Amino acid sequence: QVQLIESGGGSVQPGDSLRLSCSASGRTSEIFGMGWFRQAPGKDREFVALFSYVRNATVYPNSILDRFSISKDSSKYRLYLQMNNLQPEDTAVYYCAATRTALYGSSSLNAYEYWGQGTQVTVSS
């Protein structure tokens, strides 16, 4: 099993930045990739970003453009999601996820077996 814990959410104003973190523990050697997803009220959970340990590469959807970026620290299984120029439409619960089956990671939430509890991000003026 893999446990994921997110932190760093909060309430900010449009144009502000936030950095979310996700720490994985347990059988981390099984992880091929870790991703970030978000779910706004009344909407489906959507892909935000992923890091592939196999490719040592990041992937983002076109909708995110250059505002969000993933990084990791020396512990390898602690990821950060840097979010800049936040807008009200970024308001959502942000989830960290890990996959042990999708070799290169995936933008599909169905590819992830492990999920964190989520952290709320609210952007309003």
N, C-alpha and C. Protein backbone atom coordinates (compact mmCIF):
# COMPACT_ATOMS: atom_id res chain seq x y z
N GLN A 1 0.83 -1.19 0.00
CA GLN A 1 0.00 0.00 0.00
C GLN A 1 0.87 1.25 0.00
N VAL A 2 0.29 2.30 -0.54
CA VAL A 2 0.94 3.60 -0.58
C VAL A 2 0.01 4.61 0.08
N GLN A 3 0.54 5.43 0.93
CA GLN A 3 -0.23 6.50 1.56
C GLN A 3 0.25 7.84 1.01
N LEU A 4 -0.72 8.71 0.74
CA LEU A 4 -0.42 10.03 0.20
C LEU A 4 -1.05 11.09 1.10
N ILE A 5 -0.27 12.10 1.41
CA ILE A 5 -0.77 13.20 2.23
C ILE A 5 -0.46 14.51 1.53
N GLU A 6 -1.52 15.29 1.26
CA GLU A 6 -1.34 16.61 0.64
C GLU A 6 -1.40 17.69 1.71
N SER A 7 -0.79 18.81 1.38
CA SER A 7 -0.89 19.99 2.24
C SER A 7 -0.63 21.23 1.40
N GLY A 8 -0.94 22.38 1.96
CA GLY A 8 -0.60 23.63 1.30
C GLY A 8 -1.77 24.38 0.71
N GLY A 9 -2.97 23.84 0.79
CA GLY A 9 -4.11 24.56 0.25
C GLY A 9 -4.46 25.78 1.09
N GLY A 10 -5.40 26.58 0.60
CA GLY A 10 -5.82 27.75 1.34
C GLY A 10 -6.66 28.67 0.49
N SER A 11 -6.93 29.84 1.01
CA SER A 11 -7.71 30.86 0.31
C SER A 11 -6.79 31.99 -0.12
N VAL A 12 -6.87 32.32 -1.39
CA VAL A 12 -6.02 33.38 -1.93
C VAL A 12 -6.84 34.28 -2.85
N GLN A 13 -6.22 35.37 -3.27
CA GLN A 13 -6.87 36.29 -4.21
C GLN A 13 -6.39 36.01 -5.63
N PRO A 14 -7.17 36.43 -6.62
CA PRO A 14 -6.73 36.25 -8.02
C PRO A 14 -5.36 36.85 -8.25
N GLY A 15 -4.53 36.10 -8.97
CA GLY A 15 -3.17 36.55 -9.23
C GLY A 15 -2.14 36.04 -8.24
N ASP A 16 -2.60 35.52 -7.11
CA ASP A 16 -1.68 35.00 -6.09
C ASP A 16 -1.13 33.63 -6.49
N SER A 17 -0.19 33.16 -5.69
CA SER A 17 0.42 31.85 -5.90
C SER A 17 0.24 30.97 -4.67
N LEU A 18 0.28 29.68 -4.90
CA LEU A 18 0.26 28.69 -3.82
C LEU A 18 1.15 27.53 -4.23
N ARG A 19 1.70 26.86 -3.23
CA ARG A 19 2.45 25.65 -3.49
C ARG A 19 1.87 24.52 -2.67
N LEU A 20 1.40 23.50 -3.36
CA LEU A 20 0.89 22.30 -2.70
C LEU A 20 2.00 21.27 -2.61
N SER A 21 1.93 20.45 -1.59
CA SER A 21 2.90 19.37 -1.47
C SER A 21 2.19 18.04 -1.27
N CYS A 22 2.85 16.98 -1.68
CA CYS A 22 2.31 15.64 -1.54
C CYS A 22 3.44 14.72 -1.13
N SER A 23 3.26 14.04 -0.02
CA SER A 23 4.26 13.10 0.46
C SER A 23 3.71 11.69 0.36
N ALA A 24 4.49 10.80 -0.24
CA ALA A 24 4.12 9.40 -0.36
C ALA A 24 4.92 8.58 0.63
N SER A 25 4.27 7.58 1.20
CA SER A 25 4.94 6.66 2.12
C SER A 25 4.41 5.26 1.88
N GLY A 26 5.06 4.29 2.48
CA GLY A 26 4.66 2.90 2.27
C GLY A 26 5.50 2.28 1.17
N ARG A 27 4.88 1.55 0.27
CA ARG A 27 5.59 0.83 -0.78
C ARG A 27 5.86 1.74 -1.98
N THR A 28 6.63 2.77 -1.72
CA THR A 28 6.88 3.78 -2.75
C THR A 28 7.69 3.24 -3.92
N SER A 29 8.43 2.18 -3.72
CA SER A 29 9.23 1.62 -4.81
C SER A 29 8.37 1.10 -5.95
N GLU A 30 7.09 0.91 -5.69
CA GLU A 30 6.17 0.42 -6.72
C GLU A 30 5.64 1.53 -7.61
N ILE A 31 5.87 2.79 -7.24
CA ILE A 31 5.25 3.91 -7.94
C ILE A 31 5.94 4.20 -9.26
N PHE A 32 5.15 4.25 -10.33
CA PHE A 32 5.67 4.65 -11.64
C PHE A 32 5.49 6.14 -11.87
N GLY A 33 4.44 6.68 -11.32
CA GLY A 33 4.16 8.09 -11.54
C GLY A 33 3.25 8.65 -10.47
N MET A 34 3.32 9.95 -10.29
CA MET A 34 2.44 10.65 -9.37
C MET A 34 1.80 11.81 -10.09
N GLY A 35 0.54 12.03 -9.79
CA GLY A 35 -0.18 13.07 -10.50
C GLY A 35 -0.97 13.95 -9.57
N TRP A 36 -1.37 15.09 -10.10
CA TRP A 36 -2.28 15.99 -9.41
C TRP A 36 -3.56 16.11 -10.23
N PHE A 37 -4.67 16.04 -9.54
CA PHE A 37 -5.99 16.22 -10.12
C PHE A 37 -6.74 17.24 -9.28
N ARG A 38 -7.79 17.79 -9.82
CA ARG A 38 -8.62 18.70 -9.05
C ARG A 38 -10.09 18.48 -9.38
N GLN A 39 -10.92 18.82 -8.42
CA GLN A 39 -12.36 18.67 -8.62
C GLN A 39 -13.07 19.88 -8.05
N ALA A 40 -13.71 20.62 -8.93
CA ALA A 40 -14.50 21.78 -8.53
C ALA A 40 -15.92 21.33 -8.21
N PRO A 41 -16.65 22.09 -7.43
CA PRO A 41 -18.03 21.70 -7.08
C PRO A 41 -18.87 21.46 -8.32
N GLY A 42 -19.52 20.32 -8.37
CA GLY A 42 -20.42 20.01 -9.47
C GLY A 42 -19.73 19.59 -10.76
N LYS A 43 -18.41 19.45 -10.71
CA LYS A 43 -17.68 19.07 -11.92
C LYS A 43 -16.93 17.75 -11.72
N ASP A 44 -16.51 17.16 -12.84
CA ASP A 44 -15.72 15.94 -12.77
C ASP A 44 -14.30 16.26 -12.31
N ARG A 45 -13.66 15.24 -11.76
CA ARG A 45 -12.26 15.40 -11.39
C ARG A 45 -11.43 15.49 -12.67
N GLU A 46 -10.51 16.46 -12.72
CA GLU A 46 -9.75 16.66 -13.93
C GLU A 46 -8.24 16.63 -13.67
N PHE A 47 -7.51 16.25 -14.70
CA PHE A 47 -6.07 16.14 -14.64
C PHE A 47 -5.42 17.51 -14.61
N VAL A 48 -4.40 17.65 -13.75
CA VAL A 48 -3.69 18.93 -13.62
C VAL A 48 -2.23 18.78 -14.03
N ALA A 49 -1.58 17.72 -13.57
CA ALA A 49 -0.15 17.54 -13.86
C ALA A 49 0.27 16.16 -13.41
N LEU A 50 1.37 15.66 -13.99
CA LEU A 50 1.92 14.40 -13.52
C LEU A 50 3.43 14.39 -13.64
N PHE A 51 4.04 13.57 -12.82
CA PHE A 51 5.47 13.33 -12.91
C PHE A 51 5.68 11.84 -13.11
N SER A 52 6.43 11.50 -14.17
CA SER A 52 6.75 10.12 -14.47
C SER A 52 8.15 9.80 -13.96
N TYR A 53 8.24 8.84 -13.04
CA TYR A 53 9.55 8.44 -12.53
C TYR A 53 10.32 7.65 -13.58
N VAL A 54 9.61 6.96 -14.45
CA VAL A 54 10.27 6.16 -15.47
C VAL A 54 10.93 7.07 -16.51
N ARG A 55 10.22 8.08 -16.94
CA ARG A 55 10.76 9.01 -17.93
C ARG A 55 11.45 10.21 -17.30
N ASN A 56 11.31 10.38 -15.99
CA ASN A 56 11.82 11.58 -15.32
C ASN A 56 11.31 12.82 -16.03
N ALA A 57 10.01 12.86 -16.26
CA ALA A 57 9.42 13.93 -17.05
C ALA A 57 8.08 14.33 -16.45
N THR A 58 7.68 15.56 -16.76
CA THR A 58 6.40 16.08 -16.32
C THR A 58 5.47 16.26 -17.51
N VAL A 59 4.18 16.19 -17.25
CA VAL A 59 3.17 16.38 -18.29
C VAL A 59 2.07 17.26 -17.72
N TYR A 60 1.62 18.19 -18.54
CA TYR A 60 0.54 19.09 -18.15
C TYR A 60 -0.50 19.15 -19.25
N PRO A 61 -1.77 19.40 -18.91
CA PRO A 61 -2.77 19.61 -19.96
C PRO A 61 -2.60 21.00 -20.56
N ASN A 62 -3.07 21.18 -21.76
CA ASN A 62 -2.94 22.49 -22.42
C ASN A 62 -3.63 23.60 -21.65
N SER A 63 -4.68 23.24 -20.92
CA SER A 63 -5.44 24.27 -20.21
C SER A 63 -4.65 24.92 -19.09
N ILE A 64 -3.61 24.23 -18.60
CA ILE A 64 -2.82 24.77 -17.50
C ILE A 64 -1.77 25.75 -18.03
N LEU A 65 -1.32 25.52 -19.24
CA LEU A 65 -0.28 26.35 -19.87
C LEU A 65 0.95 26.40 -18.98
N ASP A 66 1.46 27.58 -18.69
CA ASP A 66 2.70 27.69 -17.91
C ASP A 66 2.44 28.12 -16.48
N ARG A 67 1.21 28.09 -16.04
CA ARG A 67 0.90 28.60 -14.70
C ARG A 67 1.27 27.63 -13.59
N PHE A 68 1.19 26.34 -13.87
CA PHE A 68 1.45 25.32 -12.85
C PHE A 68 2.71 24.54 -13.20
N SER A 69 3.42 24.10 -12.19
CA SER A 69 4.59 23.26 -12.43
C SER A 69 4.82 22.31 -11.27
N ILE A 70 5.30 21.13 -11.61
CA ILE A 70 5.62 20.11 -10.62
C ILE A 70 7.11 20.12 -10.35
N SER A 71 7.48 19.89 -9.12
CA SER A 71 8.87 19.66 -8.78
C SER A 71 8.92 18.63 -7.67
N LYS A 72 10.09 18.07 -7.45
CA LYS A 72 10.24 17.12 -6.37
C LYS A 72 11.52 17.40 -5.63
N ASP A 73 11.56 17.00 -4.38
CA ASP A 73 12.79 17.25 -3.63
C ASP A 73 13.63 15.98 -3.58
N SER A 74 14.68 16.04 -2.82
CA SER A 74 15.64 14.94 -2.79
C SER A 74 15.05 13.65 -2.25
N SER A 75 13.93 13.77 -1.55
CA SER A 75 13.32 12.55 -1.01
C SER A 75 12.63 11.74 -2.10
N LYS A 76 12.54 12.29 -3.30
CA LYS A 76 12.02 11.63 -4.49
C LYS A 76 10.50 11.45 -4.47
N TYR A 77 9.96 11.04 -3.36
CA TYR A 77 8.52 10.80 -3.31
C TYR A 77 7.79 11.90 -2.56
N ARG A 78 8.34 13.07 -2.58
CA ARG A 78 7.64 14.26 -2.12
C ARG A 78 7.60 15.23 -3.29
N LEU A 79 6.37 15.48 -3.77
CA LEU A 79 6.17 16.35 -4.91
C LEU A 79 5.55 17.66 -4.49
N TYR A 80 5.83 18.69 -5.28
CA TYR A 80 5.23 20.00 -5.08
C TYR A 80 4.49 20.39 -6.35
N LEU A 81 3.40 21.10 -6.18
CA LEU A 81 2.68 21.71 -7.31
C LEU A 81 2.68 23.20 -7.08
N GLN A 82 3.50 23.89 -7.85
CA GLN A 82 3.55 25.35 -7.78
C GLN A 82 2.48 25.93 -8.68
N MET A 83 1.61 26.72 -8.13
CA MET A 83 0.51 27.30 -8.90
C MET A 83 0.63 28.82 -8.85
N ASN A 84 0.78 29.41 -10.02
CA ASN A 84 0.95 30.85 -10.12
C ASN A 84 -0.23 31.50 -10.83
N ASN A 85 -0.40 32.78 -10.58
CA ASN A 85 -1.47 33.54 -11.23
C ASN A 85 -2.82 32.81 -11.11
N LEU A 86 -3.14 32.43 -9.90
CA LEU A 86 -4.38 31.69 -9.68
C LEU A 86 -5.60 32.53 -10.01
N GLN A 87 -6.60 31.87 -10.55
CA GLN A 87 -7.85 32.52 -10.95
C GLN A 87 -9.02 31.83 -10.27
N PRO A 88 -10.16 32.49 -10.19
CA PRO A 88 -11.31 31.88 -9.52
C PRO A 88 -11.67 30.50 -10.07
N GLU A 89 -11.44 30.29 -11.36
CA GLU A 89 -11.77 28.98 -11.94
C GLU A 89 -10.83 27.88 -11.49
N ASP A 90 -9.76 28.24 -10.78
CA ASP A 90 -8.86 27.24 -10.21
C ASP A 90 -9.36 26.73 -8.86
N THR A 91 -10.42 27.31 -8.37
CA THR A 91 -10.99 26.87 -7.10
C THR A 91 -11.45 25.43 -7.20
N ALA A 92 -10.94 24.60 -6.31
CA ALA A 92 -11.25 23.17 -6.35
C ALA A 92 -10.57 22.47 -5.17
N VAL A 93 -10.92 21.22 -4.99
CA VAL A 93 -10.15 20.35 -4.10
C VAL A 93 -9.08 19.70 -4.97
N TYR A 94 -7.85 19.80 -4.53
CA TYR A 94 -6.72 19.26 -5.29
C TYR A 94 -6.28 17.95 -4.64
N TYR A 95 -6.13 16.94 -5.49
CA TYR A 95 -5.78 15.60 -5.02
C TYR A 95 -4.45 15.15 -5.62
N CYS A 96 -3.68 14.50 -4.79
CA CYS A 96 -2.46 13.84 -5.24
C CYS A 96 -2.79 12.37 -5.46
N ALA A 97 -2.19 11.78 -6.47
CA ALA A 97 -2.45 10.38 -6.78
C ALA A 97 -1.17 9.68 -7.22
N ALA A 98 -1.14 8.37 -7.05
CA ALA A 98 0.02 7.58 -7.45
C ALA A 98 -0.43 6.34 -8.20
N THR A 99 0.36 5.99 -9.23
CA THR A 99 0.05 4.81 -10.01
C THR A 99 1.19 3.81 -9.97
N ARG A 100 0.85 2.55 -9.83
CA ARG A 100 1.85 1.48 -9.88
C ARG A 100 1.61 0.59 -11.09
N THR A 101 0.71 1.02 -11.97
CA THR A 101 0.41 0.23 -13.17
C THR A 101 0.64 0.99 -14.47
N ALA A 102 0.45 2.31 -14.46
CA ALA A 102 0.67 3.10 -15.67
C ALA A 102 2.16 3.43 -15.76
N LEU A 103 2.86 2.74 -16.62
CA LEU A 103 4.33 2.80 -16.65
C LEU A 103 4.87 4.22 -16.79
N TYR A 104 4.22 5.02 -17.62
CA TYR A 104 4.71 6.38 -17.85
C TYR A 104 3.82 7.43 -17.20
N GLY A 105 2.98 7.00 -16.26
CA GLY A 105 2.01 7.90 -15.68
C GLY A 105 0.84 8.04 -16.66
N SER A 106 -0.18 8.76 -16.26
CA SER A 106 -1.36 8.89 -17.11
C SER A 106 -2.15 10.12 -16.72
N SER A 107 -2.85 10.70 -17.70
CA SER A 107 -3.76 11.80 -17.41
C SER A 107 -5.14 11.30 -17.01
N SER A 108 -5.33 9.99 -17.06
CA SER A 108 -6.62 9.40 -16.70
C SER A 108 -6.65 9.05 -15.22
N LEU A 109 -7.64 9.53 -14.52
CA LEU A 109 -7.72 9.27 -13.09
C LEU A 109 -7.90 7.78 -12.83
N ASN A 110 -8.42 7.04 -13.79
CA ASN A 110 -8.65 5.61 -13.60
C ASN A 110 -7.34 4.82 -13.53
N ALA A 111 -6.24 5.44 -13.92
CA ALA A 111 -4.94 4.76 -13.90
C ALA A 111 -4.28 4.81 -12.53
N TYR A 112 -4.86 5.55 -11.61
CA TYR A 112 -4.23 5.76 -10.31
C TYR A 112 -4.93 4.93 -9.24
N GLU A 113 -4.12 4.18 -8.51
CA GLU A 113 -4.66 3.30 -7.48
C GLU A 113 -4.72 3.97 -6.11
N TYR A 114 -3.87 4.95 -5.91
CA TYR A 114 -3.76 5.56 -4.59
C TYR A 114 -4.07 7.05 -4.67
N TRP A 115 -4.82 7.53 -3.69
CA TRP A 115 -5.25 8.93 -3.65
C TRP A 115 -5.06 9.50 -2.26
N GLY A 116 -4.71 10.78 -2.24
CA GLY A 116 -4.68 11.49 -0.98
C GLY A 116 -6.07 11.97 -0.60
N GLN A 117 -6.16 12.64 0.53
CA GLN A 117 -7.47 13.07 1.03
C GLN A 117 -7.93 14.37 0.39
N GLY A 118 -7.04 15.05 -0.28
CA GLY A 118 -7.39 16.30 -0.96
C GLY A 118 -7.12 17.52 -0.10
N THR A 119 -6.85 18.62 -0.75
CA THR A 119 -6.64 19.89 -0.06
C THR A 119 -7.38 20.99 -0.82
N GLN A 120 -8.10 21.83 -0.10
CA GLN A 120 -8.96 22.84 -0.73
C GLN A 120 -8.15 24.06 -1.14
N VAL A 121 -8.38 24.50 -2.37
CA VAL A 121 -7.82 25.76 -2.86
C VAL A 121 -8.98 26.64 -3.28
N THR A 122 -9.06 27.82 -2.69
CA THR A 122 -10.13 28.76 -2.99
C THR A 122 -9.52 30.07 -3.46
N VAL A 123 -9.97 30.53 -4.64
CA VAL A 123 -9.46 31.77 -5.21
C VAL A 123 -10.63 32.72 -5.39
N SER A 124 -10.61 33.79 -4.65
CA SER A 124 -11.69 34.77 -4.75
C SER A 124 -11.19 36.12 -4.29
N SER A 125 -11.88 37.15 -4.77
CA SER A 125 -11.53 38.52 -4.38
C SER A 125 -12.45 39.01 -3.28
